[in-house]
């Protein structure tokens, strides 16, 4: 039996939709990263971006366990001397919840050119309606209850 390696022209992409309400941030992010990489497909090829598109809705309803909401700090550097900006997880969840999911998923993807292409297939929205109805996304997971 020969191993088949996909070419980028042969990749068929699907659209999936996830409702983030009630999910723990890390558990949801790892499942999304797996879909974006394409590891759920039997034709997975490490050197080809063969993942699918993922739409995340209700990003503001994500959960964090333990004391992470108070103690976790997100860092950003402006590029200037002394330009480190810090924001607590609770403040980031209130201001930009889609950024929290984006950071978690991005850090689980490969740190290469391929990883940058993969993260562009992630669409995150704080509200339920999204502009991707024409793609007819499939529900990815069942609703998680707390």
N, C-alpha and C. Protein backbone atom coordinates (compact mmCIF):
# COMPACT_ATOMS: atom_id res chain seq x y z
N UNK A 1 0.84 -1.17 0.00
CA UNK A 1 0.00 0.00 0.00
C UNK A 1 0.89 1.24 0.00
N UNK A 2 0.64 2.15 -0.92
CA UNK A 2 1.46 3.35 -1.02
C UNK A 2 0.86 4.48 -0.18
N UNK A 3 1.72 5.29 0.37
CA UNK A 3 1.28 6.47 1.09
C UNK A 3 1.03 7.59 0.09
N UNK A 4 -0.15 8.18 0.17
CA UNK A 4 -0.45 9.26 -0.76
C UNK A 4 -0.19 10.59 -0.08
N UNK A 5 0.48 11.47 -0.78
CA UNK A 5 0.75 12.82 -0.29
C UNK A 5 -0.05 13.80 -1.13
N UNK A 6 -0.79 14.65 -0.46
CA UNK A 6 -1.63 15.62 -1.15
C UNK A 6 -0.80 16.75 -1.75
N UNK A 7 -1.29 17.29 -2.83
CA UNK A 7 -0.76 18.53 -3.37
C UNK A 7 -1.76 19.62 -3.00
N UNK A 8 -1.31 20.87 -2.99
CA UNK A 8 -2.21 21.94 -2.55
C UNK A 8 -3.40 22.12 -3.48
N UNK A 9 -3.29 21.68 -4.73
CA UNK A 9 -4.41 21.79 -5.66
C UNK A 9 -5.48 20.74 -5.38
N UNK A 10 -5.13 19.65 -4.72
CA UNK A 10 -6.05 18.54 -4.48
C UNK A 10 -6.84 18.67 -3.18
N UNK A 11 -6.54 19.68 -2.39
CA UNK A 11 -7.16 19.83 -1.07
C UNK A 11 -8.60 20.33 -1.23
N UNK A 12 -9.52 19.63 -0.57
CA UNK A 12 -10.92 20.05 -0.53
C UNK A 12 -11.21 20.59 0.86
N UNK A 13 -11.65 21.84 0.93
CA UNK A 13 -11.86 22.49 2.22
C UNK A 13 -13.35 22.57 2.56
N UNK A 14 -13.66 22.28 3.81
CA UNK A 14 -15.02 22.42 4.31
C UNK A 14 -15.07 23.60 5.28
N UNK A 15 -16.27 24.01 5.63
CA UNK A 15 -16.48 25.07 6.61
C UNK A 15 -17.18 24.46 7.82
N UNK A 16 -16.66 24.75 9.01
CA UNK A 16 -17.24 24.27 10.25
C UNK A 16 -17.58 25.46 11.14
N UNK A 17 -18.60 25.27 11.97
CA UNK A 17 -19.07 26.32 12.87
C UNK A 17 -19.05 25.79 14.30
N UNK A 18 -18.54 26.61 15.22
CA UNK A 18 -18.44 26.23 16.63
C UNK A 18 -19.10 27.30 17.48
N UNK A 19 -19.93 26.88 18.43
CA UNK A 19 -20.49 27.80 19.41
C UNK A 19 -19.61 27.71 20.66
N UNK A 20 -18.93 28.79 21.01
CA UNK A 20 -17.95 28.77 22.09
C UNK A 20 -18.56 28.89 23.47
N UNK A 21 -19.86 29.08 23.58
CA UNK A 21 -20.46 29.28 24.90
C UNK A 21 -20.35 28.01 25.74
N UNK A 22 -19.78 28.17 26.93
CA UNK A 22 -19.62 27.07 27.86
C UNK A 22 -18.33 26.28 27.70
N UNK A 23 -17.56 26.51 26.66
CA UNK A 23 -16.31 25.77 26.44
C UNK A 23 -15.18 26.41 27.23
N UNK A 24 -14.25 25.57 27.70
CA UNK A 24 -13.03 26.05 28.33
C UNK A 24 -12.07 26.45 27.21
N UNK A 25 -11.36 27.55 27.38
CA UNK A 25 -10.54 28.14 26.33
C UNK A 25 -9.52 27.16 25.73
N UNK A 26 -8.76 26.47 26.56
CA UNK A 26 -7.72 25.58 26.07
C UNK A 26 -8.26 24.36 25.35
N UNK A 27 -9.33 23.79 25.86
CA UNK A 27 -9.91 22.60 25.25
C UNK A 27 -10.50 22.93 23.87
N UNK A 28 -11.19 24.05 23.77
CA UNK A 28 -11.75 24.46 22.50
C UNK A 28 -10.65 24.81 21.50
N UNK A 29 -9.62 25.50 21.98
CA UNK A 29 -8.53 25.92 21.09
C UNK A 29 -7.78 24.74 20.50
N UNK A 30 -7.56 23.70 21.29
CA UNK A 30 -6.84 22.54 20.78
C UNK A 30 -7.65 21.80 19.72
N UNK A 31 -8.96 21.75 19.90
CA UNK A 31 -9.82 21.11 18.89
C UNK A 31 -9.86 21.93 17.61
N UNK A 32 -9.91 23.25 17.74
CA UNK A 32 -9.92 24.12 16.56
C UNK A 32 -8.60 24.03 15.82
N UNK A 33 -7.49 24.02 16.55
CA UNK A 33 -6.17 23.93 15.91
C UNK A 33 -6.02 22.63 15.13
N UNK A 34 -6.57 21.56 15.64
CA UNK A 34 -6.52 20.27 14.95
C UNK A 34 -7.27 20.33 13.62
N UNK A 35 -8.42 21.01 13.60
CA UNK A 35 -9.20 21.14 12.37
C UNK A 35 -8.47 22.05 11.37
N UNK A 36 -7.89 23.16 11.86
CA UNK A 36 -7.18 24.08 10.98
C UNK A 36 -5.97 23.43 10.33
N UNK A 37 -5.30 22.53 11.05
CA UNK A 37 -4.13 21.83 10.50
C UNK A 37 -4.53 20.72 9.54
N UNK A 38 -5.73 20.18 9.71
CA UNK A 38 -6.18 19.09 8.85
C UNK A 38 -5.87 17.72 9.40
N UNK A 39 -5.53 17.62 10.68
CA UNK A 39 -5.17 16.33 11.27
C UNK A 39 -6.36 15.40 11.44
N UNK A 40 -7.57 15.91 11.27
CA UNK A 40 -8.76 15.08 11.38
C UNK A 40 -9.04 14.32 10.08
N UNK A 41 -8.32 14.63 9.03
CA UNK A 41 -8.55 13.99 7.73
C UNK A 41 -7.59 12.82 7.53
N UNK A 42 -8.03 11.78 6.83
CA UNK A 42 -7.11 10.66 6.56
C UNK A 42 -6.03 11.02 5.55
N UNK A 43 -6.22 12.11 4.82
CA UNK A 43 -5.24 12.52 3.81
C UNK A 43 -4.31 13.61 4.34
N UNK A 44 -4.11 13.68 5.66
CA UNK A 44 -3.26 14.71 6.25
C UNK A 44 -1.84 14.60 5.73
N UNK A 45 -1.30 15.73 5.28
CA UNK A 45 0.08 15.82 4.82
C UNK A 45 0.73 16.97 5.58
N UNK A 46 1.83 16.72 6.32
CA UNK A 46 2.41 17.77 7.17
C UNK A 46 2.93 18.98 6.40
N UNK A 47 3.36 18.80 5.17
CA UNK A 47 3.97 19.90 4.43
C UNK A 47 2.98 20.68 3.59
N UNK A 48 1.68 20.35 3.68
CA UNK A 48 0.65 21.02 2.90
C UNK A 48 -0.44 21.52 3.84
N UNK A 49 -0.93 22.72 3.58
CA UNK A 49 -2.04 23.26 4.36
C UNK A 49 -3.33 22.59 3.89
N UNK A 50 -3.73 21.53 4.57
CA UNK A 50 -4.90 20.76 4.13
C UNK A 50 -6.05 20.87 5.13
N UNK A 51 -6.04 21.88 5.98
CA UNK A 51 -7.09 22.05 6.98
C UNK A 51 -8.33 22.73 6.43
N UNK A 52 -9.33 22.85 7.28
CA UNK A 52 -10.61 23.42 6.91
C UNK A 52 -10.80 24.78 7.58
N UNK A 53 -11.82 25.50 7.15
CA UNK A 53 -12.18 26.78 7.74
C UNK A 53 -13.01 26.54 9.00
N UNK A 54 -12.80 27.38 10.02
CA UNK A 54 -13.54 27.27 11.28
C UNK A 54 -14.11 28.64 11.63
N UNK A 55 -15.41 28.67 11.92
CA UNK A 55 -16.09 29.88 12.37
C UNK A 55 -16.44 29.69 13.84
N UNK A 56 -15.99 30.61 14.69
CA UNK A 56 -16.30 30.56 16.11
C UNK A 56 -17.27 31.69 16.42
N UNK A 57 -18.41 31.34 17.01
CA UNK A 57 -19.38 32.36 17.40
C UNK A 57 -19.54 32.35 18.92
N UNK A 58 -20.07 33.43 19.45
CA UNK A 58 -20.23 33.63 20.90
C UNK A 58 -18.90 33.54 21.63
N UNK A 59 -17.90 34.24 21.14
CA UNK A 59 -16.56 34.20 21.74
C UNK A 59 -16.55 34.80 23.14
N UNK A 60 -17.48 35.68 23.44
CA UNK A 60 -17.50 36.32 24.76
C UNK A 60 -18.01 35.39 25.85
N UNK A 61 -18.51 34.21 25.50
CA UNK A 61 -19.02 33.26 26.49
C UNK A 61 -18.03 32.14 26.81
N UNK A 62 -16.77 32.33 26.45
CA UNK A 62 -15.73 31.32 26.72
C UNK A 62 -15.42 31.32 28.21
N UNK A 63 -14.97 30.18 28.73
CA UNK A 63 -14.66 30.06 30.16
C UNK A 63 -13.17 29.86 30.36
N UNK A 64 -12.68 30.27 31.52
CA UNK A 64 -11.32 29.98 31.97
C UNK A 64 -11.44 29.29 33.32
N UNK A 65 -10.60 28.29 33.57
CA UNK A 65 -10.69 27.54 34.82
C UNK A 65 -9.72 28.10 35.85
N UNK A 66 -9.99 27.78 37.09
CA UNK A 66 -9.09 28.17 38.18
C UNK A 66 -9.04 29.67 38.38
N UNK A 67 -7.84 30.18 38.67
CA UNK A 67 -7.64 31.60 38.93
C UNK A 67 -7.13 32.34 37.69
N UNK A 68 -7.23 31.70 36.53
CA UNK A 68 -6.68 32.30 35.31
C UNK A 68 -7.33 33.62 34.96
N UNK A 69 -8.60 33.79 35.26
CA UNK A 69 -9.30 35.02 34.92
C UNK A 69 -8.67 36.22 35.63
N UNK A 70 -8.17 36.01 36.85
CA UNK A 70 -7.56 37.10 37.63
C UNK A 70 -6.05 37.17 37.44
N UNK A 71 -5.39 36.02 37.28
CA UNK A 71 -3.93 35.99 37.34
C UNK A 71 -3.24 35.91 35.98
N UNK A 72 -3.91 35.43 34.95
CA UNK A 72 -3.28 35.30 33.64
C UNK A 72 -3.10 36.67 33.01
N UNK A 73 -1.90 36.92 32.47
CA UNK A 73 -1.58 38.21 31.88
C UNK A 73 -1.11 37.99 30.44
N UNK A 74 -1.67 38.74 29.51
CA UNK A 74 -1.27 38.72 28.12
C UNK A 74 -0.29 39.86 27.87
N UNK A 75 0.84 39.57 27.22
CA UNK A 75 1.88 40.55 26.96
C UNK A 75 1.91 40.91 25.48
N UNK A 76 2.24 42.17 25.21
CA UNK A 76 2.41 42.63 23.83
C UNK A 76 3.52 43.67 23.85
N UNK A 77 4.38 43.66 22.84
CA UNK A 77 5.46 44.63 22.76
C UNK A 77 5.24 45.52 21.55
N UNK A 78 5.36 46.83 21.75
CA UNK A 78 5.12 47.79 20.68
C UNK A 78 6.29 47.91 19.72
N UNK A 79 7.47 47.49 20.15
CA UNK A 79 8.67 47.62 19.32
C UNK A 79 9.57 48.74 19.80
N UNK A 80 9.08 49.57 20.70
CA UNK A 80 9.88 50.64 21.25
C UNK A 80 10.46 50.22 22.60
N UNK A 81 11.49 50.94 23.04
CA UNK A 81 12.12 50.64 24.32
C UNK A 81 11.10 50.85 25.44
N UNK A 82 10.96 49.86 26.30
CA UNK A 82 10.00 49.94 27.39
C UNK A 82 8.56 49.85 26.93
N UNK A 83 8.34 49.30 25.74
CA UNK A 83 7.01 49.27 25.16
C UNK A 83 6.23 48.00 25.42
N UNK A 84 6.41 47.39 26.58
CA UNK A 84 5.67 46.18 26.90
C UNK A 84 4.30 46.59 27.45
N UNK A 85 3.25 46.08 26.83
CA UNK A 85 1.90 46.34 27.31
C UNK A 85 1.35 45.05 27.88
N UNK A 86 0.69 45.14 29.01
CA UNK A 86 0.12 43.98 29.66
C UNK A 86 -1.37 44.20 29.89
N UNK A 87 -2.12 43.11 29.77
CA UNK A 87 -3.55 43.18 30.04
C UNK A 87 -3.97 41.86 30.70
N UNK A 88 -4.79 41.97 31.73
CA UNK A 88 -5.26 40.77 32.42
C UNK A 88 -6.27 40.04 31.56
N UNK A 89 -6.44 38.76 31.81
CA UNK A 89 -7.36 37.94 31.02
C UNK A 89 -8.80 38.42 31.17
N UNK A 90 -9.18 38.86 32.36
CA UNK A 90 -10.54 39.33 32.58
C UNK A 90 -10.83 40.59 31.75
N UNK A 91 -9.86 41.50 31.70
CA UNK A 91 -10.04 42.73 30.92
C UNK A 91 -10.08 42.42 29.42
N UNK A 92 -9.23 41.50 28.99
CA UNK A 92 -9.20 41.13 27.58
C UNK A 92 -10.49 40.43 27.18
N UNK A 93 -11.05 39.63 28.08
CA UNK A 93 -12.32 38.96 27.80
C UNK A 93 -13.46 39.96 27.67
N UNK A 94 -13.40 41.04 28.43
CA UNK A 94 -14.43 42.06 28.35
C UNK A 94 -14.27 42.96 27.13
N UNK A 95 -13.02 43.29 26.76
CA UNK A 95 -12.78 44.21 25.65
C UNK A 95 -12.74 43.52 24.29
N UNK A 96 -11.91 42.47 24.17
CA UNK A 96 -11.71 41.79 22.89
C UNK A 96 -11.66 40.27 23.09
N UNK A 97 -12.79 39.62 23.30
CA UNK A 97 -12.77 38.17 23.56
C UNK A 97 -12.27 37.36 22.36
N UNK A 98 -12.46 37.86 21.14
CA UNK A 98 -11.99 37.13 19.97
C UNK A 98 -10.46 37.07 19.94
N UNK A 99 -9.79 38.07 20.53
CA UNK A 99 -8.33 38.08 20.59
C UNK A 99 -7.80 36.95 21.49
N UNK A 100 -8.54 36.66 22.55
CA UNK A 100 -8.13 35.60 23.48
C UNK A 100 -8.15 34.24 22.79
N UNK A 101 -9.20 33.96 22.03
CA UNK A 101 -9.28 32.69 21.30
C UNK A 101 -8.24 32.64 20.19
N UNK A 102 -8.06 33.76 19.50
CA UNK A 102 -7.08 33.83 18.41
C UNK A 102 -5.67 33.52 18.92
N UNK A 103 -5.28 34.13 20.05
CA UNK A 103 -3.95 33.90 20.61
C UNK A 103 -3.75 32.44 21.01
N UNK A 104 -4.77 31.85 21.63
CA UNK A 104 -4.66 30.46 22.08
C UNK A 104 -4.51 29.51 20.89
N UNK A 105 -5.29 29.71 19.84
CA UNK A 105 -5.22 28.83 18.67
C UNK A 105 -3.92 29.06 17.92
N UNK A 106 -3.52 30.31 17.76
CA UNK A 106 -2.30 30.62 17.00
C UNK A 106 -1.07 29.99 17.64
N UNK A 107 -1.03 29.96 18.97
CA UNK A 107 0.12 29.38 19.65
C UNK A 107 0.14 27.85 19.58
N UNK A 108 -0.96 27.22 19.16
CA UNK A 108 -1.00 25.77 19.01
C UNK A 108 -0.69 25.33 17.58
N UNK A 109 -0.58 26.26 16.66
CA UNK A 109 -0.29 25.94 15.27
C UNK A 109 1.22 25.99 15.04
N UNK A 110 1.72 25.42 13.93
CA UNK A 110 3.16 25.47 13.65
C UNK A 110 3.66 26.91 13.54
N UNK A 111 4.88 27.13 14.02
CA UNK A 111 5.47 28.47 13.97
C UNK A 111 6.25 28.60 12.66
N UNK A 112 5.54 28.63 11.55
CA UNK A 112 6.18 28.70 10.24
C UNK A 112 5.25 29.40 9.27
N UNK A 113 5.66 29.45 8.02
CA UNK A 113 4.85 30.03 6.96
C UNK A 113 3.51 29.30 6.86
N UNK A 114 3.55 28.00 7.05
CA UNK A 114 2.34 27.19 6.96
C UNK A 114 1.36 27.54 8.09
N UNK A 115 1.88 27.79 9.29
CA UNK A 115 1.05 28.15 10.41
C UNK A 115 0.35 29.48 10.20
N UNK A 116 1.03 30.42 9.54
CA UNK A 116 0.42 31.72 9.25
C UNK A 116 -0.72 31.57 8.25
N UNK A 117 -0.58 30.65 7.31
CA UNK A 117 -1.66 30.40 6.36
C UNK A 117 -2.84 29.70 7.04
N UNK A 118 -2.55 28.83 7.98
CA UNK A 118 -3.60 28.09 8.67
C UNK A 118 -4.47 29.01 9.53
N UNK A 119 -3.86 29.94 10.23
CA UNK A 119 -4.60 30.80 11.15
C UNK A 119 -5.51 31.77 10.41
N UNK A 120 -5.25 32.01 9.13
CA UNK A 120 -6.12 32.89 8.34
C UNK A 120 -7.46 32.24 8.04
N UNK A 121 -7.57 30.93 8.25
CA UNK A 121 -8.83 30.23 8.02
C UNK A 121 -9.72 30.23 9.26
N UNK A 122 -9.30 30.91 10.31
CA UNK A 122 -10.06 31.00 11.54
C UNK A 122 -10.84 32.32 11.56
N UNK A 123 -12.15 32.24 11.71
CA UNK A 123 -13.01 33.42 11.75
C UNK A 123 -13.71 33.43 13.11
N UNK A 124 -13.52 34.50 13.89
CA UNK A 124 -14.05 34.56 15.25
C UNK A 124 -15.00 35.75 15.36
N UNK A 125 -16.20 35.51 15.93
CA UNK A 125 -17.21 36.54 16.10
C UNK A 125 -17.79 36.48 17.50
N UNK A 126 -18.11 37.65 18.06
CA UNK A 126 -18.69 37.68 19.41
C UNK A 126 -20.20 37.46 19.37
N UNK A 127 -20.83 37.72 18.25
CA UNK A 127 -22.27 37.53 18.14
C UNK A 127 -22.58 36.24 17.40
N UNK A 128 -23.82 35.80 17.49
CA UNK A 128 -24.23 34.57 16.82
C UNK A 128 -24.30 34.72 15.30
N UNK A 129 -24.92 35.77 14.74
CA UNK A 129 -24.94 35.85 13.27
C UNK A 129 -23.56 36.20 12.71
N UNK A 130 -23.20 35.59 11.60
CA UNK A 130 -21.91 35.86 10.97
C UNK A 130 -22.12 35.93 9.46
N UNK A 131 -21.20 36.55 8.73
CA UNK A 131 -21.39 36.75 7.29
C UNK A 131 -21.02 35.56 6.42
N UNK A 132 -20.91 34.36 6.99
CA UNK A 132 -20.48 33.19 6.22
C UNK A 132 -21.60 32.17 6.04
N UNK A 133 -22.84 32.61 6.00
CA UNK A 133 -23.97 31.69 5.81
C UNK A 133 -23.94 31.06 4.42
N UNK A 134 -23.40 31.76 3.43
CA UNK A 134 -23.39 31.24 2.06
C UNK A 134 -22.50 30.01 1.92
N UNK A 135 -21.51 29.86 2.81
CA UNK A 135 -20.62 28.69 2.75
C UNK A 135 -21.26 27.45 3.36
N UNK A 136 -22.41 27.59 3.99
CA UNK A 136 -23.15 26.49 4.61
C UNK A 136 -22.25 25.69 5.57
N UNK A 137 -21.82 26.32 6.67
CA UNK A 137 -20.93 25.62 7.60
C UNK A 137 -21.64 24.50 8.36
N UNK A 138 -20.91 23.42 8.61
CA UNK A 138 -21.43 22.29 9.38
C UNK A 138 -21.13 22.54 10.86
N UNK A 139 -22.02 22.15 11.77
CA UNK A 139 -21.69 22.27 13.19
C UNK A 139 -20.58 21.28 13.54
N UNK A 140 -19.55 21.78 14.20
CA UNK A 140 -18.39 20.94 14.49
C UNK A 140 -18.55 20.11 15.74
N UNK A 141 -19.02 20.70 16.83
CA UNK A 141 -19.19 19.99 18.09
C UNK A 141 -20.60 20.20 18.59
N UNK A 142 -21.02 19.32 19.45
CA UNK A 142 -22.28 19.52 20.14
C UNK A 142 -22.08 20.60 21.19
N UNK A 143 -23.16 21.23 21.60
CA UNK A 143 -23.08 22.31 22.57
C UNK A 143 -22.60 21.77 23.91
N UNK A 144 -21.60 22.43 24.48
CA UNK A 144 -21.02 22.02 25.75
C UNK A 144 -21.76 22.74 26.87
N UNK A 145 -22.23 22.00 27.85
CA UNK A 145 -22.91 22.61 28.98
C UNK A 145 -21.97 22.64 30.17
N UNK A 146 -22.05 23.70 30.96
CA UNK A 146 -21.13 23.88 32.07
C UNK A 146 -21.42 23.01 33.23
